[in-house]
Amino acid sequence: MEDLSTFLSSIGHEVEDADEESFLLFSQEIPSSNLGFVDSKATTVDITIHGQDYTIHQSPTLLSSSRAGGTTGAVLWKITPLFAEWLSNTSTNPLWTSSHLTSNSTVVELGCGISGLTALTLAPLVGHYLATDQEYVARLFRQNLESNPPQQSQKPASGSGSGSGSKGKSKGRRQQPPKGKPKESSSGALHPNITFVSLDWELDNPARLRQEIPNLDGEGDNDSNPDPDPDTGFDLLLSCDCIYNESLIAPFVRTCSEIAALRRDTSSGRNKPTICMIAQQQRSPDVFEAWLRETMRVFRVWRVDSSVLGGKLGEGSGYLTHALLLKD
């Protein structure tokens, strides 16, 4: 597809060797970000992205608990507002300028955590946003959606946002999602095109996510005129700072590949392949290399260049962003 070729050619070089990529990235000086929390002791955190203010509720108590299965999703991480700001910049982000993302696109996020911040910034620009994580984050995720209603005065990403946590005035006008017949959202009336679904990478079958995708153009709603080849997948899969120990790698990569493979279930080939955008903080070179090795077994991988990411996520920031495309 021409749009896909345009996107891939614009983001950087394809990664050919996991050892070389890991050595190159971790031989450079990495700034200290501690563990990567914005503020692990605060119950609320204020963030501004593209001129819009967000108040994010989080749970330091849950973070420090001994809950089986992990608690890292209980607070906001530093990379999340930066990644959300970059993704929602429609004027410069190649996902938008190559038309891979449009106002009708479907997006799924793995490991969304409690903040809902990426969903809040990107969902107003696309058709439907499916946020997934373990069930323990659901209550705070929904609270954050309710606490941050859409603002009519927000402009779609203009590149002027800060994502720095400072407060500011909202500007411009927010783009409205396309009209259609979406199924009722589990996130309430304020954000009808955001749905939260509990998903455990080790226990759940990602194929069930297809049932959560509304038919945005209304085709196939009438039994007398069903769509013979409905879209069963996602344009974009996102994950932000979900790889931090080796035990997560195999189930995470398997989940990504099974979701990306949903687009192959249609026979006409009319649908764009799923692009996976994986952002992470540089921590352990061993964990990163293990993730990259496992990923490259099933995906082609591109490291997104600093010229595309900008200074906040680019080289020297301590953060990495890779684009994945399922192998044939």
Protein backbone atom coordinates (compact mmCIF):
# COMPACT_ATOMS: atom_id res chain seq x y z
CA MET A 1 0.00 0.00 0.00
CA GLU A 2 1.27 3.44 -0.91
CA ASP A 3 0.30 4.99 2.43
CA LEU A 4 2.14 2.27 4.32
CA SER A 5 5.26 2.67 2.18
CA THR A 6 5.13 6.42 2.75
CA PHE A 7 4.90 5.93 6.49
CA LEU A 8 7.71 3.36 6.74
CA SER A 9 10.07 5.37 4.56
CA SER A 10 9.52 8.46 6.71
CA ILE A 11 10.19 7.09 10.20
CA GLY A 12 13.73 5.71 10.03
CA HIS A 13 15.75 2.63 9.12
CA GLU A 14 14.55 -0.92 9.69
CA VAL A 15 16.28 -2.77 12.53
CA GLU A 16 18.25 -5.72 11.16
CA ASP A 17 20.11 -7.04 14.21
CA ALA A 18 18.93 -7.10 17.83
CA ASP A 19 22.45 -7.21 19.30
CA GLU A 20 23.59 -4.24 17.26
CA GLU A 21 20.49 -2.21 18.04
CA SER A 22 20.78 -2.84 21.75
CA PHE A 23 24.49 -2.03 21.84
CA LEU A 24 23.99 1.17 19.85
CA LEU A 25 21.21 2.42 22.10
CA PHE A 26 22.67 1.50 25.47
CA SER A 27 26.25 2.51 24.76
CA GLN A 28 25.07 6.11 24.76
CA GLU A 29 24.62 8.19 27.89
CA ILE A 30 21.11 7.80 29.27
CA PRO A 31 19.64 10.54 31.47
CA SER A 32 18.39 9.43 34.87
CA SER A 33 14.61 9.33 35.25
CA ASN A 34 14.59 7.17 38.37
CA LEU A 35 11.93 4.51 37.88
CA GLY A 36 10.00 6.80 35.57
CA PHE A 37 7.02 7.91 37.69
CA VAL A 38 5.71 11.45 37.33
CA ASP A 39 4.97 11.58 41.08
CA SER A 40 4.40 8.25 42.79
CA LYS A 41 3.18 9.85 46.04
CA ALA A 42 0.54 12.23 44.67
CA THR A 43 -3.12 11.24 44.40
CA THR A 44 -3.62 13.63 41.47
CA VAL A 45 -1.27 14.89 38.76
CA ASP A 46 -1.92 17.88 36.47
CA ILE A 47 -0.81 17.58 32.84
CA THR A 48 -1.15 19.92 29.86
CA ILE A 49 -1.04 18.56 26.31
CA HIS A 50 -1.64 20.70 23.22
CA GLY A 51 -3.05 23.46 25.39
CA GLN A 52 -5.59 21.28 27.18
CA ASP A 53 -5.40 20.61 30.91
CA TYR A 54 -5.90 17.15 32.37
CA THR A 55 -6.19 16.11 36.02
CA ILE A 56 -5.14 12.50 36.46
CA HIS A 57 -6.17 10.56 39.56
CA GLN A 58 -3.79 7.83 40.67
CA SER A 59 -3.26 5.45 43.60
CA PRO A 60 0.07 5.51 45.48
CA THR A 61 -1.46 3.04 47.95
CA LEU A 62 -2.19 0.51 45.24
CA LEU A 63 1.27 1.03 43.74
CA SER A 64 2.92 0.08 47.03
CA SER A 65 0.60 -2.86 47.71
CA SER A 66 1.54 -6.51 47.33
CA ARG A 67 -1.15 -7.26 44.76
CA ALA A 68 -0.37 -10.38 42.74
CA GLY A 69 0.08 -9.61 39.07
CA GLY A 70 1.75 -6.22 39.53
CA THR A 71 0.73 -2.67 40.39
CA THR A 72 2.77 -0.50 38.00
CA GLY A 73 -0.36 0.68 36.20
CA ALA A 74 -1.60 2.43 39.35
CA VAL A 75 0.27 5.70 38.66
CA LEU A 76 1.23 7.90 35.72
CA TRP A 77 4.65 7.40 34.11
CA LYS A 78 6.75 10.23 32.65
CA ILE A 79 6.80 8.85 29.12
CA THR A 80 3.00 8.70 28.81
CA PRO A 81 2.19 12.42 28.32
CA LEU A 82 5.14 12.75 25.90
CA PHE A 83 3.96 9.78 23.84
CA ALA A 84 0.35 11.00 23.93
CA GLU A 85 1.42 14.46 22.76
CA TRP A 86 3.42 13.03 19.86
CA LEU A 87 0.69 10.62 18.75
CA SER A 88 -1.98 13.31 18.69
CA ASN A 89 0.02 15.80 16.64
CA THR A 90 -1.89 15.49 13.37
CA SER A 91 0.21 18.07 11.54
CA THR A 92 3.60 16.36 11.88
CA ASN A 93 3.18 12.78 13.05
CA PRO A 94 3.75 10.45 10.06
CA LEU A 95 0.88 8.20 11.15
CA TRP A 96 -1.37 11.13 10.23
CA THR A 97 0.56 12.73 7.38
CA SER A 98 0.75 9.35 5.58
CA SER A 99 -3.01 8.89 6.16
CA HIS A 100 -2.50 5.65 8.05
CA LEU A 101 -4.53 7.26 10.81
CA THR A 102 -7.75 9.04 9.87
CA SER A 103 -10.91 10.15 11.65
CA ASN A 104 -12.36 6.65 11.06
CA SER A 105 -9.41 4.69 12.45
CA THR A 106 -9.60 2.09 15.20
CA VAL A 107 -6.91 2.07 17.90
CA VAL A 108 -6.12 -0.43 20.65
CA GLU A 109 -3.81 0.20 23.60
CA LEU A 110 -2.13 -2.50 25.66
CA GLY A 111 -1.36 -1.73 29.31
CA CYS A 112 -3.22 1.58 29.38
CA GLY A 113 -2.91 1.96 33.17
CA ILE A 114 -5.13 4.19 35.27
CA SER A 115 -4.46 7.52 33.57
CA GLY A 116 -6.42 7.16 30.33
CA LEU A 117 -4.21 9.98 29.08
CA THR A 118 -3.38 8.54 25.67
CA ALA A 119 -7.03 7.68 25.13
CA LEU A 120 -8.14 11.16 26.19
CA THR A 121 -5.81 12.86 23.70
CA LEU A 122 -6.12 10.49 20.73
CA ALA A 123 -9.73 9.26 20.87
CA PRO A 124 -11.28 12.62 19.79
CA LEU A 125 -9.31 12.33 16.54
CA VAL A 126 -10.21 8.72 15.58
CA GLY A 127 -13.25 6.51 15.17
CA HIS A 128 -12.87 4.26 18.20
CA TYR A 129 -10.28 3.73 20.94
CA LEU A 130 -10.07 0.45 22.83
CA ALA A 131 -8.04 0.67 26.05
CA THR A 132 -6.97 -2.59 27.67
CA ASP A 133 -5.28 -3.58 30.92
CA GLN A 134 -5.88 -5.76 33.95
CA GLU A 135 -9.18 -5.21 35.72
CA TYR A 136 -7.60 -3.51 38.76
CA VAL A 137 -7.04 -0.29 36.80
CA ALA A 138 -10.62 -0.03 35.52
CA ARG A 139 -12.13 2.07 38.32
CA LEU A 140 -9.47 4.80 38.19
CA PHE A 141 -9.35 4.68 34.40
CA ARG A 142 -13.07 5.45 34.23
CA GLN A 143 -12.73 8.10 36.96
CA ASN A 144 -10.09 9.87 34.87
CA LEU A 145 -12.34 9.83 31.82
CA GLU A 146 -15.17 11.30 33.86
CA SER A 147 -12.86 13.93 35.38
CA ASN A 148 -11.62 15.08 31.98
CA PRO A 149 -14.61 15.64 29.69
CA PRO A 150 -14.03 16.63 26.06
CA GLN A 151 -13.48 20.33 25.57
CA GLN A 152 -15.04 21.90 22.50
CA SER A 153 -12.31 24.52 22.56
CA GLN A 154 -9.45 22.07 22.12
CA LYS A 155 -7.71 22.09 18.76
CA PRO A 156 -6.45 18.79 17.25
CA ALA A 157 -2.73 18.50 17.85
CA SER A 158 -0.94 21.60 16.67
CA GLY A 159 2.53 20.83 17.94
CA SER A 160 2.34 23.57 20.55
CA GLY A 161 1.50 21.37 23.54
CA SER A 162 3.89 20.92 26.41
CA GLY A 163 3.11 17.59 28.07
CA SER A 164 5.27 18.93 30.87
CA GLY A 165 2.70 18.91 33.64
CA SER A 166 2.28 22.70 33.68
CA LYS A 167 -1.19 24.20 33.61
CA GLY A 168 -2.30 26.29 30.67
CA LYS A 169 -5.32 27.58 28.78
CA SER A 170 -7.15 25.46 26.23
CA LYS A 171 -7.04 26.75 22.69
CA GLY A 172 -8.62 26.05 19.33
CA ARG A 173 -11.39 23.60 18.49
CA ARG A 174 -11.43 19.86 19.01
CA GLN A 175 -12.11 17.67 16.00
CA GLN A 176 -15.26 15.58 16.42
CA PRO A 177 -15.26 11.82 15.84
CA PRO A 178 -17.19 10.51 12.82
CA LYS A 179 -20.86 9.69 13.14
CA GLY A 180 -21.91 6.07 13.11
CA LYS A 181 -23.56 3.42 15.21
CA PRO A 182 -21.01 2.47 17.85
CA LYS A 183 -21.96 0.00 20.54
CA GLU A 184 -22.46 1.48 23.99
CA SER A 185 -19.12 2.40 25.50
CA SER A 186 -18.07 1.00 28.86
CA SER A 187 -16.52 4.40 29.56
CA GLY A 188 -19.76 6.37 29.73
CA ALA A 189 -21.49 9.11 27.75
CA LEU A 190 -18.71 11.71 28.02
CA HIS A 191 -16.35 9.67 25.83
CA PRO A 192 -18.60 7.38 23.75
CA ASN A 193 -15.80 6.22 21.47
CA ILE A 194 -13.52 5.01 24.29
CA THR A 195 -14.03 1.47 25.58
CA PHE A 196 -12.11 -0.18 28.40
CA VAL A 197 -11.70 -3.97 28.21
CA SER A 198 -9.91 -6.13 30.76
CA LEU A 199 -7.15 -8.10 29.03
CA ASP A 200 -4.58 -10.38 30.64
CA TRP A 201 -1.76 -11.15 28.19
CA GLU A 202 -1.17 -14.58 29.71
CA LEU A 203 -4.75 -15.74 30.22
CA ASP A 204 -7.03 -14.04 27.69
CA ASN A 205 -7.51 -14.57 23.97
CA PRO A 206 -6.92 -11.25 22.17
CA ALA A 207 -9.21 -12.36 19.33
CA ARG A 208 -12.17 -11.47 21.53
CA LEU A 209 -11.27 -7.80 21.13
CA ARG A 210 -12.83 -7.89 17.67
CA GLN A 211 -16.21 -8.02 19.40
CA GLU A 212 -15.53 -4.59 20.92
CA ILE A 213 -14.99 -2.81 17.60
CA PRO A 214 -18.10 -0.88 16.54
CA ASN A 215 -19.09 -0.71 12.90
CA LEU A 216 -18.35 2.97 12.42
CA ASP A 217 -19.85 3.36 8.94
CA GLY A 218 -23.02 1.49 9.82
CA GLU A 219 -22.48 -1.22 7.22
CA GLY A 220 -23.57 -4.67 8.23
CA ASP A 221 -26.03 -3.44 10.89
CA ASN A 222 -28.97 -4.57 8.78
CA ASP A 223 -29.34 -8.34 8.56
CA SER A 224 -30.81 -7.98 5.07
CA ASN A 225 -27.65 -6.29 3.82
CA PRO A 226 -24.70 -7.57 5.86
CA ASP A 227 -21.17 -6.50 5.12
CA PRO A 228 -19.60 -9.59 3.47
CA ASP A 229 -16.10 -8.62 4.63
CA PRO A 230 -16.28 -6.63 7.88
CA ASP A 231 -13.19 -5.00 9.34
CA THR A 232 -12.04 -7.19 12.21
CA GLY A 233 -8.91 -5.43 13.33
CA PHE A 234 -7.16 -2.24 14.29
CA ASP A 235 -5.24 0.41 12.36
CA LEU A 236 -2.94 1.09 15.30
CA LEU A 237 -1.78 -0.83 18.37
CA LEU A 238 -0.13 1.23 21.11
CA SER A 239 1.88 0.33 24.16
CA CYS A 240 3.64 2.76 26.47
CA ASP A 241 6.30 1.59 28.94
CA CYS A 242 4.97 -1.92 29.44
CA ILE A 243 8.25 -3.85 29.06
CA TYR A 244 10.20 -3.82 32.31
CA ASN A 245 10.95 -7.48 33.10
CA GLU A 246 11.66 -10.57 31.02
CA SER A 247 8.67 -12.56 32.24
CA LEU A 248 6.34 -10.15 30.42
CA ILE A 249 8.06 -10.36 27.06
CA ALA A 250 6.68 -13.57 25.56
CA PRO A 251 3.00 -12.95 26.47
CA PHE A 252 3.27 -9.31 25.42
CA VAL A 253 4.73 -10.09 21.99
CA ARG A 254 2.26 -12.92 21.47
CA THR A 255 -0.64 -10.59 22.29
CA CYS A 256 0.67 -7.95 19.87
CA SER A 257 1.03 -10.50 17.08
CA GLU A 258 -2.42 -12.02 17.61
CA ILE A 259 -4.05 -8.58 17.55
CA ALA A 260 -2.10 -7.58 14.43
CA ALA A 261 -3.18 -10.84 12.78
CA LEU A 262 -6.86 -9.88 13.11
CA ARG A 263 -6.47 -7.77 9.99
CA ARG A 264 -5.55 -10.90 8.03
CA ASP A 265 -8.95 -12.45 8.69
CA THR A 266 -10.55 -10.39 5.93
CA SER A 267 -10.37 -11.74 2.41
CA SER A 268 -10.52 -8.60 0.29
CA GLY A 269 -7.26 -7.05 1.47
CA ARG A 270 -8.97 -3.65 1.59
CA ASN A 271 -7.88 -2.94 5.16
CA LYS A 272 -4.59 -1.39 6.20
CA PRO A 273 -2.29 -3.65 8.20
CA THR A 274 -2.03 -2.99 11.92
CA ILE A 275 0.99 -0.86 12.85
CA CYS A 276 2.24 -1.34 16.40
CA MET A 277 3.93 1.63 18.09
CA ILE A 278 5.88 0.59 21.19
CA ALA A 279 7.32 3.32 23.43
CA GLN A 280 9.49 2.53 26.44
CA GLN A 281 11.96 4.05 28.85
CA GLN A 282 15.56 2.88 28.59
CA ARG A 283 16.27 0.82 31.68
CA SER A 284 17.81 -2.63 31.37
CA PRO A 285 19.74 -3.46 28.18
CA ASP A 286 19.16 -7.17 28.84
CA VAL A 287 15.38 -6.78 29.02
CA PHE A 288 15.34 -4.55 25.95
CA GLU A 289 17.44 -6.98 23.91
CA ALA A 290 15.30 -9.92 24.99
CA TRP A 291 12.16 -8.01 23.96
CA LEU A 292 13.67 -7.07 20.60
CA ARG A 293 14.82 -10.63 19.85
CA GLU A 294 11.38 -12.05 20.60
CA THR A 295 9.67 -9.27 18.64
CA MET A 296 11.83 -9.72 15.56
CA ARG A 297 10.81 -13.37 15.31
CA VAL A 298 7.32 -12.31 14.22
CA PHE A 299 7.57 -8.60 13.35
CA ARG A 300 9.63 -6.35 11.16
CA VAL A 301 10.91 -3.52 13.37
CA TRP A 302 11.79 0.13 12.74
CA ARG A 303 13.26 2.46 15.36
CA VAL A 304 11.52 5.81 14.98
CA ASP A 305 14.13 8.46 14.25
CA SER A 306 14.77 11.47 16.47
CA SER A 307 13.91 13.79 13.58
CA VAL A 308 10.40 12.30 13.66
CA LEU A 309 10.00 12.09 17.43
CA GLY A 310 11.44 15.46 18.39
CA GLY A 311 13.62 16.26 21.40
CA LYS A 312 11.24 15.03 24.10
CA LEU A 313 11.25 11.42 22.87
CA GLY A 314 14.25 11.39 20.54
CA GLU A 315 17.91 10.50 20.98
CA GLY A 316 19.28 11.39 24.41
CA SER A 317 15.84 11.59 26.04
CA GLY A 318 16.09 8.19 27.70
CA TYR A 319 13.05 6.97 25.75
CA LEU A 320 12.69 4.71 22.73
CA THR A 321 9.90 4.27 20.19
CA HIS A 322 9.74 1.38 17.71
CA ALA A 323 7.23 0.63 14.96
CA LEU A 324 6.30 -3.00 14.28
CA LEU A 325 4.73 -4.63 11.23
CA LEU A 326 3.72 -8.29 11.32
CA LYS A 327 5.80 -10.45 8.99
CA ASP A 328 4.11 -12.16 6.03
